[in-house]
């Protein structure tokens, strides 16, 4: 089957699948926040989250380069990005 034959549903991995892939291949855990940040950075759809803090001065942790590269590798593995 060609890559182009995949439907949009078949080419999407869950956050849990991405987390498991990163853990198995790279040996560390990534948070759903980091996955969402990387997906957003690469133009993939990210749903609005519902546990938004009312604290305007809240510091949001940013994904490290090492974890971003691991998540990007997972997105490539699941054919969600092609570069």
N, C-alpha and C. Protein backbone atom coordinates (compact mmCIF):
# COMPACT_ATOMS: atom_id res chain seq x y z
N UNK A 1 0.84 -1.18 0.00
CA UNK A 1 0.00 0.00 0.00
C UNK A 1 0.89 1.24 0.00
N UNK A 2 0.61 2.18 -0.87
CA UNK A 2 1.34 3.44 -0.92
C UNK A 2 0.99 4.31 0.28
N UNK A 3 1.89 5.23 0.61
CA UNK A 3 1.62 6.19 1.68
C UNK A 3 0.39 7.02 1.36
N UNK A 4 0.17 7.27 0.08
CA UNK A 4 -0.95 8.12 -0.32
C UNK A 4 -2.29 7.41 -0.16
N UNK A 5 -2.31 6.10 0.02
CA UNK A 5 -3.55 5.35 0.17
C UNK A 5 -4.13 5.43 1.58
N UNK A 6 -3.36 5.97 2.51
CA UNK A 6 -3.84 6.06 3.89
C UNK A 6 -4.92 7.12 4.02
N UNK A 7 -5.97 6.78 4.74
CA UNK A 7 -6.98 7.80 5.04
C UNK A 7 -6.47 8.65 6.19
N UNK A 8 -7.12 9.77 6.43
CA UNK A 8 -6.66 10.66 7.51
C UNK A 8 -6.77 9.98 8.87
N UNK A 9 -7.74 9.10 9.05
CA UNK A 9 -7.89 8.41 10.32
C UNK A 9 -6.76 7.41 10.52
N UNK A 10 -6.38 6.71 9.47
CA UNK A 10 -5.32 5.72 9.58
C UNK A 10 -3.96 6.35 9.84
N UNK A 11 -3.77 7.60 9.43
CA UNK A 11 -2.47 8.23 9.57
C UNK A 11 -2.33 9.03 10.87
N UNK A 12 -3.30 8.92 11.77
CA UNK A 12 -3.23 9.65 13.03
C UNK A 12 -2.95 8.69 14.17
N UNK A 13 -2.00 9.06 15.00
CA UNK A 13 -1.68 8.27 16.18
C UNK A 13 -2.21 9.01 17.40
N UNK A 14 -2.57 8.25 18.42
CA UNK A 14 -3.01 8.88 19.66
C UNK A 14 -1.80 9.38 20.44
N UNK A 15 -2.05 10.25 21.39
CA UNK A 15 -0.96 10.75 22.22
C UNK A 15 -0.30 9.59 22.96
N UNK A 16 -1.09 8.61 23.40
CA UNK A 16 -0.57 7.46 24.11
C UNK A 16 0.36 6.65 23.20
N UNK A 17 -0.01 6.47 21.93
CA UNK A 17 0.85 5.74 20.99
C UNK A 17 2.16 6.48 20.78
N UNK A 18 2.11 7.80 20.69
CA UNK A 18 3.31 8.60 20.52
C UNK A 18 4.19 8.49 21.76
N UNK A 19 3.58 8.57 22.95
CA UNK A 19 4.33 8.44 24.19
C UNK A 19 5.00 7.07 24.28
N UNK A 20 4.29 6.01 23.93
CA UNK A 20 4.85 4.66 23.99
C UNK A 20 6.00 4.49 23.00
N UNK A 21 5.85 5.04 21.80
CA UNK A 21 6.89 4.95 20.77
C UNK A 21 8.17 5.64 21.26
N UNK A 22 8.03 6.84 21.80
CA UNK A 22 9.19 7.59 22.30
C UNK A 22 9.85 6.84 23.45
N UNK A 23 9.06 6.31 24.36
CA UNK A 23 9.60 5.57 25.51
C UNK A 23 10.38 4.34 25.05
N UNK A 24 9.81 3.58 24.10
CA UNK A 24 10.47 2.37 23.62
C UNK A 24 11.74 2.67 22.82
N UNK A 25 11.69 3.68 21.97
CA UNK A 25 12.83 3.97 21.08
C UNK A 25 13.92 4.80 21.76
N UNK A 26 13.52 5.79 22.56
CA UNK A 26 14.49 6.73 23.13
C UNK A 26 14.72 6.55 24.64
N UNK A 27 13.82 5.84 25.30
CA UNK A 27 14.01 5.54 26.71
C UNK A 27 13.61 6.63 27.68
N UNK A 28 12.84 7.62 27.24
CA UNK A 28 12.34 8.63 28.19
C UNK A 28 10.89 8.95 27.87
N UNK A 29 10.22 9.54 28.86
CA UNK A 29 8.81 9.87 28.72
C UNK A 29 8.64 11.30 28.21
N UNK A 30 7.56 11.53 27.46
CA UNK A 30 7.21 12.88 27.02
C UNK A 30 5.77 13.15 27.46
N UNK A 31 5.50 14.38 27.79
CA UNK A 31 4.16 14.74 28.26
C UNK A 31 3.26 15.06 27.06
N UNK A 32 1.96 15.03 27.32
CA UNK A 32 1.01 15.39 26.27
C UNK A 32 1.16 16.87 25.90
N UNK A 33 1.57 17.70 26.86
CA UNK A 33 1.82 19.11 26.58
C UNK A 33 2.91 19.25 25.52
N UNK A 34 4.00 18.52 25.69
CA UNK A 34 5.09 18.60 24.72
C UNK A 34 4.66 18.09 23.35
N UNK A 35 3.88 17.03 23.32
CA UNK A 35 3.39 16.50 22.04
C UNK A 35 2.53 17.57 21.36
N UNK A 36 1.65 18.20 22.10
CA UNK A 36 0.80 19.25 21.54
C UNK A 36 1.62 20.42 21.01
N UNK A 37 2.67 20.81 21.75
CA UNK A 37 3.53 21.91 21.30
C UNK A 37 4.21 21.58 19.98
N UNK A 38 4.71 20.35 19.85
CA UNK A 38 5.40 19.95 18.63
C UNK A 38 4.42 19.84 17.48
N UNK A 39 3.25 19.27 17.73
CA UNK A 39 2.24 19.16 16.67
C UNK A 39 1.84 20.55 16.17
N UNK A 40 1.62 21.46 17.10
CA UNK A 40 1.23 22.82 16.73
C UNK A 40 2.34 23.51 15.92
N UNK A 41 3.58 23.32 16.35
CA UNK A 41 4.73 23.92 15.67
C UNK A 41 4.84 23.45 14.22
N UNK A 42 4.43 22.22 13.96
CA UNK A 42 4.55 21.64 12.62
C UNK A 42 3.23 21.67 11.85
N UNK A 43 2.27 22.45 12.34
CA UNK A 43 1.05 22.71 11.60
C UNK A 43 0.00 21.61 11.68
N UNK A 44 0.12 20.72 12.66
CA UNK A 44 -0.88 19.66 12.80
C UNK A 44 -2.00 20.14 13.71
N UNK A 45 -3.16 19.56 13.52
CA UNK A 45 -4.34 19.95 14.29
C UNK A 45 -4.19 19.57 15.76
N UNK A 46 -4.47 20.53 16.62
CA UNK A 46 -4.45 20.32 18.07
C UNK A 46 -5.76 20.87 18.61
N UNK A 47 -6.48 20.04 19.33
CA UNK A 47 -7.75 20.50 19.89
C UNK A 47 -7.52 21.42 21.08
N UNK A 48 -8.51 22.24 21.37
CA UNK A 48 -8.46 23.12 22.53
C UNK A 48 -8.54 22.27 23.79
N UNK A 49 -7.73 22.58 24.78
CA UNK A 49 -7.80 21.83 26.03
C UNK A 49 -8.74 22.53 26.99
N UNK A 50 -9.26 21.75 27.92
CA UNK A 50 -10.33 22.26 28.79
C UNK A 50 -9.87 22.64 30.18
N UNK A 51 -8.66 22.30 30.56
CA UNK A 51 -8.19 22.63 31.91
C UNK A 51 -7.29 23.87 31.89
N UNK A 52 -7.78 24.92 31.29
CA UNK A 52 -7.04 26.17 31.17
C UNK A 52 -7.00 26.87 32.54
N UNK A 53 -5.82 27.26 32.93
CA UNK A 53 -5.64 27.94 34.21
C UNK A 53 -6.14 29.37 34.11
N UNK A 54 -6.68 29.84 35.19
CA UNK A 54 -7.13 31.24 35.25
C UNK A 54 -5.99 32.17 35.65
N UNK A 55 -4.87 31.60 36.06
CA UNK A 55 -3.70 32.37 36.46
C UNK A 55 -2.98 32.87 35.20
N UNK A 56 -2.98 34.18 34.99
CA UNK A 56 -2.37 34.75 33.79
C UNK A 56 -0.84 34.70 33.82
N UNK A 57 -0.26 34.58 35.03
CA UNK A 57 1.19 34.57 35.16
C UNK A 57 1.76 33.15 35.21
N UNK A 58 0.94 32.19 34.85
CA UNK A 58 1.37 30.79 34.89
C UNK A 58 2.52 30.56 33.92
N UNK A 59 3.55 29.88 34.40
CA UNK A 59 4.69 29.56 33.55
C UNK A 59 4.46 28.19 32.90
N UNK A 60 4.43 28.16 31.58
CA UNK A 60 4.20 26.92 30.84
C UNK A 60 5.55 26.36 30.40
N UNK A 61 5.88 25.13 30.81
CA UNK A 61 7.17 24.55 30.41
C UNK A 61 7.23 24.34 28.90
N UNK A 62 8.42 24.57 28.35
CA UNK A 62 8.62 24.39 26.92
C UNK A 62 9.39 23.10 26.67
N UNK A 63 9.06 22.45 25.59
CA UNK A 63 9.67 21.19 25.21
C UNK A 63 11.16 21.39 24.90
N UNK A 64 12.00 20.48 25.42
CA UNK A 64 13.43 20.55 25.13
C UNK A 64 13.69 20.08 23.70
N UNK A 65 14.83 20.46 23.15
CA UNK A 65 15.17 20.08 21.79
C UNK A 65 15.24 18.56 21.64
N UNK A 66 15.83 17.90 22.64
CA UNK A 66 15.95 16.43 22.59
C UNK A 66 14.57 15.77 22.52
N UNK A 67 13.64 16.23 23.33
CA UNK A 67 12.30 15.64 23.34
C UNK A 67 11.53 16.03 22.09
N UNK A 68 11.74 17.24 21.60
CA UNK A 68 11.08 17.66 20.36
C UNK A 68 11.50 16.78 19.20
N UNK A 69 12.79 16.48 19.11
CA UNK A 69 13.28 15.62 18.03
C UNK A 69 12.72 14.21 18.15
N UNK A 70 12.58 13.70 19.36
CA UNK A 70 12.01 12.37 19.57
C UNK A 70 10.53 12.34 19.18
N UNK A 71 9.79 13.37 19.55
CA UNK A 71 8.38 13.45 19.18
C UNK A 71 8.23 13.58 17.68
N UNK A 72 9.08 14.39 17.05
CA UNK A 72 9.04 14.54 15.60
C UNK A 72 9.34 13.21 14.92
N UNK A 73 10.27 12.44 15.45
CA UNK A 73 10.56 11.11 14.92
C UNK A 73 9.32 10.22 15.00
N UNK A 74 8.60 10.30 16.11
CA UNK A 74 7.37 9.53 16.27
C UNK A 74 6.30 9.97 15.27
N UNK A 75 6.19 11.27 15.05
CA UNK A 75 5.21 11.77 14.08
C UNK A 75 5.54 11.29 12.67
N UNK A 76 6.82 11.23 12.36
CA UNK A 76 7.25 10.68 11.06
C UNK A 76 6.94 9.19 10.98
N UNK A 77 7.20 8.48 12.07
CA UNK A 77 6.94 7.04 12.11
C UNK A 77 5.47 6.74 11.84
N UNK A 78 4.58 7.55 12.43
CA UNK A 78 3.14 7.35 12.25
C UNK A 78 2.60 8.07 11.01
N UNK A 79 3.50 8.58 10.18
CA UNK A 79 3.17 9.24 8.91
C UNK A 79 2.22 10.42 9.10
N UNK A 80 2.50 11.19 10.15
CA UNK A 80 1.72 12.40 10.40
C UNK A 80 2.43 13.62 9.82
N UNK A 81 3.75 13.51 9.61
CA UNK A 81 4.55 14.52 8.91
C UNK A 81 5.50 13.77 7.97
N UNK A 82 5.96 14.45 6.93
CA UNK A 82 6.76 13.77 5.90
C UNK A 82 8.10 14.42 5.64
N UNK A 83 8.69 15.11 6.58
CA UNK A 83 10.01 15.73 6.32
C UNK A 83 10.98 15.38 7.39
